Amino acid sequence: MVFRKTWEYLFWLRPAIAGFTKIHKYSLGVEMQANAMQLIRLIISANYAEVKSDLIQSALVENEVQRVYLRFAFEYKQISRRRFEFSEAKLDEIGHLLRGWSRQQNR
């Protein structure tokens, strides 16, 4: 489930970044894209790992970093309030799923 939600976010993110102004597309946009790819990479790795907790914690950190990048994009007026709220909700959901997965691993 967390993979699917992250995939949906990544699928939304690429065209959103394409709409950034040139200066932000090649700085903030590149960072956002790399961070989102790292997030999905960590989730895939955790799915296959015997010990998942460290990878899940790293994914939670990447999710929070993505949230900061998203705030920058909004503050720099690269995304509308509607898109910001949509993507914030997606990241909230991903974070919630990751925290639940982390709790399950720590039992």
PDB file of N, CA and C in Angstrom:
ATOM      1  N   MET A   1       0.816  -1.196   0.000  1.00  0.00           N
ATOM      2  CA  MET A   1       0.000   0.000   0.000  1.00  0.00           C
ATOM      3  C   MET A   1       0.865   1.268   0.000  1.00  0.00           C
ATOM      4  N   VAL A   2       1.919   1.279   0.826  1.00  0.00           N
ATOM      5  CA  VAL A   2       2.766   2.472   0.887  1.00  0.00           C
ATOM      6  C   VAL A   2       3.497   2.666  -0.446  1.00  0.00           C
ATOM      7  N   PHE A   3       3.879   1.581  -1.100  1.00  0.00           N
ATOM      8  CA  PHE A   3       4.518   1.701  -2.411  1.00  0.00           C
ATOM      9  C   PHE A   3       3.555   2.363  -3.398  1.00  0.00           C
ATOM     10  N   ARG A   4       2.310   1.894  -3.405  1.00  0.00           N
ATOM     11  CA  ARG A   4       1.321   2.440  -4.348  1.00  0.00           C
ATOM     12  C   ARG A   4       1.086   3.932  -4.123  1.00  0.00           C
ATOM     13  N   LYS A   5       0.955   4.333  -2.875  1.00  0.00           N
ATOM     14  CA  LYS A   5       0.725   5.751  -2.559  1.00  0.00           C
ATOM     15  C   LYS A   5       1.940   6.604  -2.946  1.00  0.00           C
ATOM     16  N   THR A   6       3.126   6.066  -2.736  1.00  0.00           N
ATOM     17  CA  THR A   6       4.337   6.790  -3.112  1.00  0.00           C
ATOM     18  C   THR A   6       4.442   6.880  -4.629  1.00  0.00           C
ATOM     19  N   TRP A   7       4.089   5.812  -5.313  1.00  0.00           N
ATOM     20  CA  TRP A   7       4.071   5.813  -6.780  1.00  0.00           C
ATOM     21  C   TRP A   7       3.102   6.884  -7.300  1.00  0.00           C
ATOM     22  N   GLU A   8       1.924   6.952  -6.707  1.00  0.00           N
ATOM     23  CA  GLU A   8       0.938   7.963  -7.116  1.00  0.00           C
ATOM     24  C   GLU A   8       1.497   9.374  -6.921  1.00  0.00           C
ATOM     25  N   TYR A   9       2.186   9.580  -5.800  1.00  0.00           N
ATOM     26  CA  TYR A   9       2.790  10.895  -5.548  1.00  0.00           C
ATOM     27  C   TYR A   9       3.848  11.195  -6.602  1.00  0.00           C
ATOM     28  N   LEU A  10       4.707  10.227  -6.872  1.00  0.00           N
ATOM     29  CA  LEU A  10       5.763  10.412  -7.866  1.00  0.00           C
ATOM     30  C   LEU A  10       5.175  10.666  -9.247  1.00  0.00           C
ATOM     31  N   PHE A  11       4.107   9.976  -9.575  1.00  0.00           N
ATOM     32  CA  PHE A  11       3.434  10.157 -10.857  1.00  0.00           C
ATOM     33  C   PHE A  11       2.852  11.569 -10.958  1.00  0.00           C
ATOM     34  N   TRP A  12       2.363  12.102  -9.851  1.00  0.00           N
ATOM     35  CA  TRP A  12       1.852  13.478  -9.811  1.00  0.00           C
ATOM     36  C   TRP A  12       2.999  14.488  -9.889  1.00  0.00           C
ATOM     37  N   LEU A  13       4.118  14.178  -9.239  1.00  0.00           N
ATOM     38  CA  LEU A  13       5.215  15.130  -9.084  1.00  0.00           C
ATOM     39  C   LEU A  13       5.887  15.501 -10.404  1.00  0.00           C
ATOM     40  N   ARG A  14       6.129  14.544 -11.260  1.00  0.00           N
ATOM     41  CA  ARG A  14       6.875  14.823 -12.503  1.00  0.00           C
ATOM     42  C   ARG A  14       6.238  15.921 -13.340  1.00  0.00           C
ATOM     43  N   PRO A  15       4.942  15.845 -13.668  1.00  0.00           N
ATOM     44  CA  PRO A  15       4.354  16.945 -14.439  1.00  0.00           C
ATOM     45  C   PRO A  15       4.290  18.258 -13.649  1.00  0.00           C
ATOM     46  N   ALA A  16       4.170  18.165 -12.326  1.00  0.00           N
ATOM     47  CA  ALA A  16       4.155  19.390 -11.517  1.00  0.00           C
ATOM     48  C   ALA A  16       5.497  20.111 -11.641  1.00  0.00           C
ATOM     49  N   ILE A  17       6.583  19.360 -11.583  1.00  0.00           N
ATOM     50  CA  ILE A  17       7.914  19.953 -11.718  1.00  0.00           C
ATOM     51  C   ILE A  17       8.113  20.524 -13.121  1.00  0.00           C
ATOM     52  N   ALA A  18       7.551  19.880 -14.115  1.00  0.00           N
ATOM     53  CA  ALA A  18       7.673  20.371 -15.495  1.00  0.00           C
ATOM     54  C   ALA A  18       7.099  21.776 -15.633  1.00  0.00           C
ATOM     55  N   GLY A  19       6.155  22.141 -14.761  1.00  0.00           N
ATOM     56  CA  GLY A  19       5.560  23.472 -14.799  1.00  0.00           C
ATOM     57  C   GLY A  19       6.332  24.529 -14.032  1.00  0.00           C
ATOM     58  N   PHE A  20       7.416  24.132 -13.349  1.00  0.00           N
ATOM     59  CA  PHE A  20       8.227  25.100 -12.600  1.00  0.00           C
ATOM     60  C   PHE A  20       8.936  26.042 -13.578  1.00  0.00           C
ATOM     61  N   THR A  21       9.271  27.225 -13.105  1.00  0.00           N
ATOM     62  CA  THR A  21      10.096  28.114 -13.915  1.00  0.00           C
ATOM     63  C   THR A  21      11.479  27.479 -14.065  1.00  0.00           C
ATOM     64  N   LYS A  22      12.202  27.910 -15.079  1.00  0.00           N
ATOM     65  CA  LYS A  22      13.478  27.285 -15.424  1.00  0.00           C
ATOM     66  C   LYS A  22      14.443  27.218 -14.231  1.00  0.00           C
ATOM     67  N   ILE A  23      14.580  28.307 -13.517  1.00  0.00           N
ATOM     68  CA  ILE A  23      15.544  28.334 -12.399  1.00  0.00           C
ATOM     69  C   ILE A  23      15.159  27.331 -11.307  1.00  0.00           C
ATOM     70  N   HIS A  24      13.875  27.189 -11.046  1.00  0.00           N
ATOM     71  CA  HIS A  24      13.431  26.264 -10.000  1.00  0.00           C
ATOM     72  C   HIS A  24      13.342  24.827 -10.502  1.00  0.00           C
ATOM     73  N   LYS A  25      13.052  24.667 -11.778  1.00  0.00           N
ATOM     74  CA  LYS A  25      12.958  23.314 -12.347  1.00  0.00           C
ATOM     75  C   LYS A  25      14.299  22.594 -12.231  1.00  0.00           C
ATOM     76  N   TYR A  26      15.382  23.315 -12.483  1.00  0.00           N
ATOM     77  CA  TYR A  26      16.702  22.699 -12.514  1.00  0.00           C
ATOM     78  C   TYR A  26      17.454  22.800 -11.191  1.00  0.00           C
ATOM     79  N   SER A  27      16.816  23.283 -10.169  1.00  0.00           N
ATOM     80  CA  SER A  27      17.424  23.292  -8.833  1.00  0.00           C
ATOM     81  C   SER A  27      16.480  22.555  -7.878  1.00  0.00           C
ATOM     82  N   LEU A  28      15.446  23.230  -7.442  1.00  0.00           N
ATOM     83  CA  LEU A  28      14.494  22.629  -6.519  1.00  0.00           C
ATOM     84  C   LEU A  28      13.802  21.407  -7.137  1.00  0.00           C
ATOM     85  N   GLY A  29      13.416  21.511  -8.385  1.00  0.00           N
ATOM     86  CA  GLY A  29      12.734  20.398  -9.048  1.00  0.00           C
ATOM     87  C   GLY A  29      13.590  19.149  -9.127  1.00  0.00           C
ATOM     88  N   VAL A  30      14.860  19.329  -9.444  1.00  0.00           N
ATOM     89  CA  VAL A  30      15.785  18.189  -9.507  1.00  0.00           C
ATOM     90  C   VAL A  30      15.922  17.551  -8.126  1.00  0.00           C
ATOM     91  N   GLU A  31      16.050  18.378  -7.101  1.00  0.00           N
ATOM     92  CA  GLU A  31      16.154  17.857  -5.728  1.00  0.00           C
ATOM     93  C   GLU A  31      14.883  17.104  -5.319  1.00  0.00           C
ATOM     94  N   MET A  32      13.737  17.668  -5.649  1.00  0.00           N
ATOM     95  CA  MET A  32      12.468  17.014  -5.307  1.00  0.00           C
ATOM     96  C   MET A  32      12.353  15.664  -5.996  1.00  0.00           C
ATOM     97  N   GLN A  33      12.702  15.632  -7.268  1.00  0.00           N
ATOM     98  CA  GLN A  33      12.628  14.393  -8.033  1.00  0.00           C
ATOM     99  C   GLN A  33      13.580  13.340  -7.455  1.00  0.00           C
ATOM    100  N   ALA A  34      14.822  13.738  -7.162  1.00  0.00           N
ATOM    101  CA  ALA A  34      15.805  12.809  -6.606  1.00  0.00           C
ATOM    102  C   ALA A  34      15.352  12.290  -5.244  1.00  0.00           C
ATOM    103  N   ASN A  35      14.808  13.186  -4.428  1.00  0.00           N
ATOM    104  CA  ASN A  35      14.335  12.791  -3.105  1.00  0.00           C
ATOM    105  C   ASN A  35      13.173  11.811  -3.206  1.00  0.00           C
ATOM    106  N   ALA A  36      12.236  12.063  -4.092  1.00  0.00           N
ATOM    107  CA  ALA A  36      11.089  11.172  -4.265  1.00  0.00           C
ATOM    108  C   ALA A  36      11.540   9.805  -4.780  1.00  0.00           C
ATOM    109  N   MET A  37      12.525   9.788  -5.671  1.00  0.00           N
ATOM    110  CA  MET A  37      13.052   8.516  -6.165  1.00  0.00           C
ATOM    111  C   MET A  37      13.764   7.757  -5.042  1.00  0.00           C
ATOM    112  N   GLN A  38      14.479   8.483  -4.190  1.00  0.00           N
ATOM    113  CA  GLN A  38      15.131   7.838  -3.046  1.00  0.00           C
ATOM    114  C   GLN A  38      14.089   7.261  -2.093  1.00  0.00           C
ATOM    115  N   LEU A  39      13.009   7.983  -1.889  1.00  0.00           N
ATOM    116  CA  LEU A  39      11.932   7.503  -1.024  1.00  0.00           C
ATOM    117  C   LEU A  39      11.369   6.183  -1.548  1.00  0.00           C
ATOM    118  N   ILE A  40      11.074   6.115  -2.816  1.00  0.00           N
ATOM    119  CA  ILE A  40      10.509   4.884  -3.368  1.00  0.00           C
ATOM    120  C   ILE A  40      11.549   3.764  -3.364  1.00  0.00           C
ATOM    121  N   ARG A  41      12.826   4.120  -3.565  1.00  0.00           N
ATOM    122  CA  ARG A  41      13.918   3.136  -3.503  1.00  0.00           C
ATOM    123  C   ARG A  41      14.006   2.521  -2.106  1.00  0.00           C
ATOM    124  N   LEU A  42      13.888   3.358  -1.072  1.00  0.00           N
ATOM    125  CA  LEU A  42      13.938   2.864   0.305  1.00  0.00           C
ATOM    126  C   LEU A  42      12.760   1.947   0.618  1.00  0.00           C
ATOM    127  N   ILE A  43      11.590   2.292   0.102  1.00  0.00           N
ATOM    128  CA  ILE A  43      10.410   1.457   0.330  1.00  0.00           C
ATOM    129  C   ILE A  43      10.583   0.093  -0.348  1.00  0.00           C
ATOM    130  N   ILE A  44      11.090   0.095  -1.564  1.00  0.00           N
ATOM    131  CA  ILE A  44      11.344  -1.170  -2.267  1.00  0.00           C
ATOM    132  C   ILE A  44      12.383  -1.987  -1.495  1.00  0.00           C
ATOM    133  N   SER A  45      13.447  -1.345  -1.055  1.00  0.00           N
ATOM    134  CA  SER A  45      14.487  -2.052  -0.299  1.00  0.00           C
ATOM    135  C   SER A  45      13.927  -2.640   0.992  1.00  0.00           C
ATOM    136  N   ALA A  46      13.094  -1.870   1.684  1.00  0.00           N
ATOM    137  CA  ALA A  46      12.497  -2.361   2.930  1.00  0.00           C
ATOM    138  C   ALA A  46      11.585  -3.566   2.667  1.00  0.00           C
ATOM    139  N   ASN A  47      10.896  -3.553   1.539  1.00  0.00           N
ATOM    140  CA  ASN A  47      10.032  -4.691   1.204  1.00  0.00           C
ATOM    141  C   ASN A  47      10.822  -5.986   1.102  1.00  0.00           C
ATOM    142  N   TYR A  48      12.060  -5.904   0.655  1.00  0.00           N
ATOM    143  CA  TYR A  48      12.880  -7.099   0.440  1.00  0.00           C
ATOM    144  C   TYR A  48      13.849  -7.390   1.571  1.00  0.00           C
ATOM    145  N   ALA A  49      14.014  -6.459   2.487  1.00  0.00           N
ATOM    146  CA  ALA A  49      14.998  -6.622   3.564  1.00  0.00           C
ATOM    147  C   ALA A  49      14.473  -7.525   4.670  1.00  0.00           C
ATOM    148  N   GLU A  50      15.404  -8.227   5.284  1.00  0.00           N
ATOM    149  CA  GLU A  50      15.059  -9.047   6.436  1.00  0.00           C
ATOM    150  C   GLU A  50      14.796  -8.153   7.651  1.00  0.00           C
ATOM    151  N   VAL A  51      15.675  -7.177   7.847  1.00  0.00           N
ATOM    152  CA  VAL A  51      15.506  -6.185   8.918  1.00  0.00           C
ATOM    153  C   VAL A  51      15.083  -4.883   8.248  1.00  0.00           C
ATOM    154  N   LYS A  52      13.852  -4.497   8.454  1.00  0.00           N
ATOM    155  CA  LYS A  52      13.244  -3.388   7.723  1.00  0.00           C
ATOM    156  C   LYS A  52      13.293  -2.048   8.458  1.00  0.00           C
ATOM    157  N   SER A  53      13.423  -2.074   9.765  1.00  0.00           N
ATOM    158  CA  SER A  53      13.196  -0.870  10.571  1.00  0.00           C
ATOM    159  C   SER A  53      14.097   0.304  10.192  1.00  0.00           C
ATOM    160  N   ASP A  54      15.384   0.071   9.940  1.00  0.00           N
ATOM    161  CA  ASP A  54      16.276   1.181   9.575  1.00  0.00           C
ATOM    162  C   ASP A  54      15.889   1.799   8.239  1.00  0.00           C
ATOM    163  N   LEU A  55      15.504   0.964   7.289  1.00  0.00           N
ATOM    164  CA  LEU A  55      15.094   1.464   5.976  1.00  0.00           C
ATOM    165  C   LEU A  55      13.792   2.255   6.074  1.00  0.00           C
ATOM    166  N   ILE A  56      12.888   1.784   6.901  1.00  0.00           N
ATOM    167  CA  ILE A  56      11.621   2.496   7.079  1.00  0.00           C
ATOM    168  C   ILE A  56      11.872   3.852   7.741  1.00  0.00           C
ATOM    169  N   GLN A  57      12.768   3.887   8.723  1.00  0.00           N
ATOM    170  CA  GLN A  57      13.101   5.157   9.377  1.00  0.00           C
ATOM    171  C   GLN A  57      13.732   6.129   8.379  1.00  0.00           C
ATOM    172  N   SER A  58      14.594   5.614   7.512  1.00  0.00           N
ATOM    173  CA  SER A  58      15.194   6.462   6.479  1.00  0.00           C
ATOM    174  C   SER A  58      14.123   6.981   5.517  1.00  0.00           C
ATOM    175  N   ALA A  59      13.163   6.141   5.196  1.00  0.00           N
ATOM    176  CA  ALA A  59      12.061   6.557   4.318  1.00  0.00           C
ATOM    177  C   ALA A  59      11.233   7.653   4.988  1.00  0.00           C
ATOM    178  N   LEU A  60      11.025   7.544   6.290  1.00  0.00           N
ATOM    179  CA  LEU A  60      10.300   8.596   7.018  1.00  0.00           C
ATOM    180  C   LEU A  60      11.043   9.927   6.947  1.00  0.00           C
ATOM    181  N   VAL A  61      12.370   9.879   7.061  1.00  0.00           N
ATOM    182  CA  VAL A  61      13.173  11.102   6.953  1.00  0.00           C
ATOM    183  C   VAL A  61      13.030  11.691   5.555  1.00  0.00           C
ATOM    184  N   GLU A  62      13.135  10.864   4.525  1.00  0.00           N
ATOM    185  CA  GLU A  62      13.007  11.345   3.147  1.00  0.00           C
ATOM    186  C   GLU A  62      11.623  11.943   2.900  1.00  0.00           C
ATOM    187  N   ASN A  63      10.609  11.355   3.512  1.00  0.00           N
ATOM    188  CA  ASN A  63       9.250  11.880   3.384  1.00  0.00           C
ATOM    189  C   ASN A  63       9.164  13.287   3.981  1.00  0.00           C
ATOM    190  N   GLU A  64       9.808  13.491   5.122  1.00  0.00           N
ATOM    191  CA  GLU A  64       9.806  14.816   5.751  1.00  0.00           C
ATOM    192  C   GLU A  64      10.606  15.829   4.924  1.00  0.00           C
ATOM    193  N   VAL A  65      11.715  15.390   4.351  1.00  0.00           N
ATOM    194  CA  VAL A  65      12.507  16.269   3.487  1.00  0.00           C
ATOM    195  C   VAL A  65      11.675  16.678   2.274  1.00  0.00           C
ATOM    196  N   GLN A  66      10.935  15.727   1.726  1.00  0.00           N
ATOM    197  CA  GLN A  66      10.073  16.028   0.579  1.00  0.00           C
ATOM    198  C   GLN A  66       9.029  17.076   0.964  1.00  0.00           C
ATOM    199  N   ARG A  67       8.536  16.984   2.171  1.00  0.00           N
ATOM    200  CA  ARG A  67       7.560  17.958   2.666  1.00  0.00           C
ATOM    201  C   ARG A  67       8.172  19.368   2.703  1.00  0.00           C
ATOM    202  N   VAL A  68       9.441  19.468   3.099  1.00  0.00           N
ATOM    203  CA  VAL A  68      10.136  20.762   3.125  1.00  0.00           C
ATOM    204  C   VAL A  68      10.306  21.292   1.704  1.00  0.00           C
ATOM    205  N   TYR A  69      10.728  20.427   0.784  1.00  0.00           N
ATOM    206  CA  TYR A  69      10.871  20.840  -0.614  1.00  0.00           C
ATOM    207  C   TYR A  69       9.536  21.329  -1.168  1.00  0.00           C
ATOM    208  N   LEU A  70       8.491  20.632  -0.823  1.00  0.00           N
ATOM    209  CA  LEU A  70       7.160  21.006  -1.286  1.00  0.00           C
ATOM    210  C   LEU A  70       6.778  22.392  -0.771  1.00  0.00           C
ATOM    211  N   ARG A  71       7.092  22.663   0.483  1.00  0.00           N
ATOM    212  CA  ARG A  71       6.820  23.979   1.070  1.00  0.00           C
ATOM    213  C   ARG A  71       7.601  25.065   0.323  1.00  0.00           C
ATOM    214  N   PHE A  72       8.868  24.771   0.001  1.00  0.00           N
ATOM    215  CA  PHE A  72       9.658  25.720  -0.798  1.00  0.00           C
ATOM    216  C   PHE A  72       8.979  25.992  -2.137  1.00  0.00           C
ATOM    217  N   ALA A  73       8.539  24.929  -2.799  1.00  0.00           N
ATOM    218  CA  ALA A  73       7.890  25.087  -4.110  1.00  0.00           C
ATOM    219  C   ALA A  73       6.649  25.966  -3.983  1.00  0.00           C
ATOM    220  N   PHE A  74       5.900  25.783  -2.923  1.00  0.00           N
ATOM    221  CA  PHE A  74       4.704  26.597  -2.708  1.00  0.00           C
ATOM    222  C   PHE A  74       5.083  28.049  -2.418  1.00  0.00           C
ATOM    223  N   GLU A  75       6.048  28.246  -1.542  1.00  0.00           N
ATOM    224  CA  GLU A  75       6.471  29.598  -1.178  1.00  0.00           C
ATOM    225  C   GLU A  75       7.067  30.344  -2.367  1.00  0.00           C
ATOM    226  N   TYR A  76       7.758  29.623  -3.248  1.00  0.00           N
ATOM    227  CA  TYR A  76       8.319  30.231  -4.459  1.00  0.00           C
ATOM    228  C   TYR A  76       7.278  30.360  -5.570  1.00  0.00           C
ATOM    229  N   LYS A  77       6.029  30.010  -5.245  1.00  0.00           N
ATOM    230  CA  LYS A  77       4.904  30.117  -6.183  1.00  0.00           C
ATOM    231  C   LYS A  77       5.089  29.244  -7.435  1.00  0.00           C
ATOM    232  N   GLN A  78       5.651  28.059  -7.214  1.00  0.00           N
ATOM    233  CA  GLN A  78       5.828  27.105  -8.302  1.00  0.00           C
ATOM    234  C   GLN A  78       4.648  26.146  -8.398  1.00  0.00           C
ATOM    235  N   ILE A  79       3.889  26.038  -7.299  1.00  0.00           N
ATOM    236  CA  ILE A  79       2.662  25.236  -7.308  1.00  0.00           C
ATOM    237  C   ILE A  79       1.551  26.041  -6.647  1.00  0.00           C
ATOM    238  N   SER A  80       0.347  25.776  -7.075  1.00  0.00           N
ATOM    239  CA  SER A  80      -0.820  26.479  -6.521  1.00  0.00           C
ATOM    240  C   SER A  80      -1.151  25.934  -5.133  1.00  0.00           C
ATOM    241  N   ARG A  81      -1.987  26.674  -4.424  1.00  0.00           N
ATOM    242  CA  ARG A  81      -2.439  26.213  -3.111  1.00  0.00           C
ATOM    243  C   ARG A  81      -3.152  24.871  -3.230  1.00  0.00           C
ATOM    244  N   ARG A  82      -3.967  24.705  -4.254  1.00  0.00           N
ATOM    245  CA  ARG A  82      -4.703  23.452  -4.452  1.00  0.00           C
ATOM    246  C   ARG A  82      -3.739  22.270  -4.638  1.00  0.00           C
ATOM    247  N   ARG A  83      -2.718  22.457  -5.464  1.00  0.00           N
ATOM    248  CA  ARG A  83      -1.725  21.402  -5.682  1.00  0.00           C
ATOM    249  C   ARG A  83      -0.916  21.147  -4.413  1.00  0.00           C
ATOM    250  N   PHE A  84      -0.598  22.223  -3.690  1.00  0.00           N
ATOM    251  CA  PHE A  84       0.135  22.083  -2.432  1.00  0.00           C
ATOM    252  C   PHE A  84      -0.669  21.246  -1.445  1.00  0.00           C
ATOM    253  N   GLU A  85      -1.936  21.567  -1.285  1.00  0.00           N
ATOM    254  CA  GLU A  85      -2.784  20.832  -0.343  1.00  0.00           C
ATOM    255  C   GLU A  85      -2.959  19.370  -0.767  1.00  0.00           C
ATOM    256  N   PHE A  86      -3.097  19.130  -2.058  1.00  0.00           N
ATOM    257  CA  PHE A  86      -3.215  17.764  -2.567  1.00  0.00           C
ATOM    258  C   PHE A  86      -1.952  16.963  -2.240  1.00  0.00           C
ATOM    259  N   SER A  87      -0.799  17.543  -2.540  1.00  0.00           N
ATOM    260  CA  SER A  87       0.450  16.820  -2.323  1.00  0.00           C
ATOM    261  C   SER A  87       0.776  16.671  -0.841  1.00  0.00           C
ATOM    262  N   GLU A  88       0.419  17.658  -0.035  1.00  0.00           N
ATOM    263  CA  GLU A  88       0.581  17.544   1.419  1.00  0.00           C
ATOM    264  C   GLU A  88      -0.236  16.362   1.944  1.00  0.00           C
ATOM    265  N   ALA A  89      -1.460  16.225   1.449  1.00  0.00           N
ATOM    266  CA  ALA A  89      -2.309  15.103   1.873  1.00  0.00           C
ATOM    267  C   ALA A  89      -1.677  13.768   1.471  1.00  0.00           C
ATOM    268  N   LYS A  90      -1.110  13.711   0.280  1.00  0.00           N
ATOM    269  CA  LYS A  90      -0.425  12.488  -0.168  1.00  0.00           C
ATOM    270  C   LYS A  90       0.754  12.164   0.739  1.00  0.00           C
ATOM    271  N   LEU A  91       1.564  13.169   1.047  1.00  0.00           N
ATOM    272  CA  LEU A  91       2.724  12.939   1.910  1.00  0.00           C
ATOM    273  C   LEU A  91       2.303  12.576   3.328  1.00  0.00           C
ATOM    274  N   ASP A  92       1.215  13.171   3.825  1.00  0.00           N
ATOM    275  CA  ASP A  92       0.677  12.788   5.135  1.00  0.00           C
ATOM    276  C   ASP A  92       0.299  11.312   5.143  1.00  0.00           C
ATOM    277  N   GLU A  93      -0.381  10.897   4.093  1.00  0.00           N
ATOM    278  CA  GLU A  93      -0.817   9.504   3.994  1.00  0.00           C
ATOM    279  C   GLU A  93       0.389   8.554   3.929  1.00  0.00           C
ATOM    280  N   ILE A  94       1.388   8.914   3.142  1.00  0.00           N
ATOM    281  CA  ILE A  94       2.601   8.091   3.044  1.00  0.00           C
ATOM    282  C   ILE A  94       3.281   8.012   4.413  1.00  0.00           C
ATOM    283  N   GLY A  95       3.408   9.142   5.093  1.00  0.00           N
ATOM    284  CA  GLY A  95       4.010   9.161   6.429  1.00  0.00           C
ATOM    285  C   GLY A  95       3.240   8.302   7.412  1.00  0.00           C
ATOM    286  N   HIS A  96       1.923   8.381   7.356  1.00  0.00           N
ATOM    287  CA  HIS A  96       1.079   7.576   8.243  1.00  0.00           C
ATOM    288  C   HIS A  96       1.302   6.086   7.986  1.00  0.00           C
ATOM    289  N   LEU A  97       1.344   5.696   6.730  1.00  0.00           N
ATOM    290  CA  LEU A  97       1.570   4.291   6.384  1.00  0.00           C
ATOM    291  C   LEU A  97       2.963   3.828   6.814  1.00  0.00           C
ATOM    292  N   LEU A  98       3.964   4.684   6.627  1.00  0.00           N
ATOM    293  CA  LEU A  98       5.321   4.328   7.042  1.00  0.00           C
ATOM    294  C   LEU A  98       5.420   4.177   8.561  1.00  0.00           C
ATOM    295  N   ARG A  99       4.776   5.076   9.309  1.00  0.00           N
ATOM    296  CA  ARG A  99       4.800   4.967  10.772  1.00  0.00           C
ATOM    297  C   ARG A  99       4.098   3.694  11.244  1.00  0.00           C
ATOM    298  N   GLY A 100       2.995   3.348  10.598  1.00  0.00           N
ATOM    299  CA  GLY A 100       2.298   2.102  10.940  1.00  0.00           C
ATOM    300  C   GLY A 100       3.181   0.894  10.648  1.00  0.00           C
ATOM    301  N   TRP A 101       3.853   0.908   9.525  1.00  0.00           N
ATOM    302  CA  TRP A 101       4.752  -0.177   9.140  1.00  0.00           C
ATOM    303  C   TRP A 101       5.901  -0.273  10.146  1.00  0.00           C
ATOM    304  N   SER A 102       6.414   0.875  10.562  1.00  0.00           N
ATOM    305  CA  SER A 102       7.498   0.910  11.544  1.00  0.00           C
ATOM    306  C   SER A 102       7.039   0.316  12.880  1.00  0.00           C
ATOM    307  N   ARG A 103       5.859   0.694  13.337  1.00  0.00           N
ATOM    308  CA  ARG A 103       5.330   0.143  14.587  1.00  0.00           C
ATOM    309  C   ARG A 103       5.160  -1.377  14.491  1.00  0.00           C
ATOM    310  N   GLN A 104       4.689  -1.837  13.356  1.00  0.00           N
ATOM    311  CA  GLN A 104       4.509  -3.270  13.146  1.00  0.00           C
ATOM    312  C   GLN A 104       5.857  -4.004  13.219  1.00  0.00           C
ATOM    313  N   GLN A 105       6.910  -3.417  12.705  1.00  0.00           N
ATOM    314  CA  GLN A 105       8.229  -4.051  12.724  1.00  0.00           C
ATOM    315  C   GLN A 105       8.830  -4.064  14.124  1.00  0.00           C
ATOM    316  N   ASN A 106       8.470  -3.102  14.948  1.00  0.00           N
ATOM    317  CA  ASN A 106       9.044  -2.991  16.285  1.00  0.00           C
ATOM    318  C   ASN A 106       8.354  -3.862  17.326  1.00  0.00           C
ATOM    319  N   ARG A 107       7.346  -4.590  16.932  1.00  0.00           N
ATOM    320  CA  ARG A 107       6.653  -5.487  17.887  1.00  0.00           C
ATOM    321  C   ARG A 107       7.437  -6.730  18.131  1.00  0.00           C
TER     322      ARG A 107
END
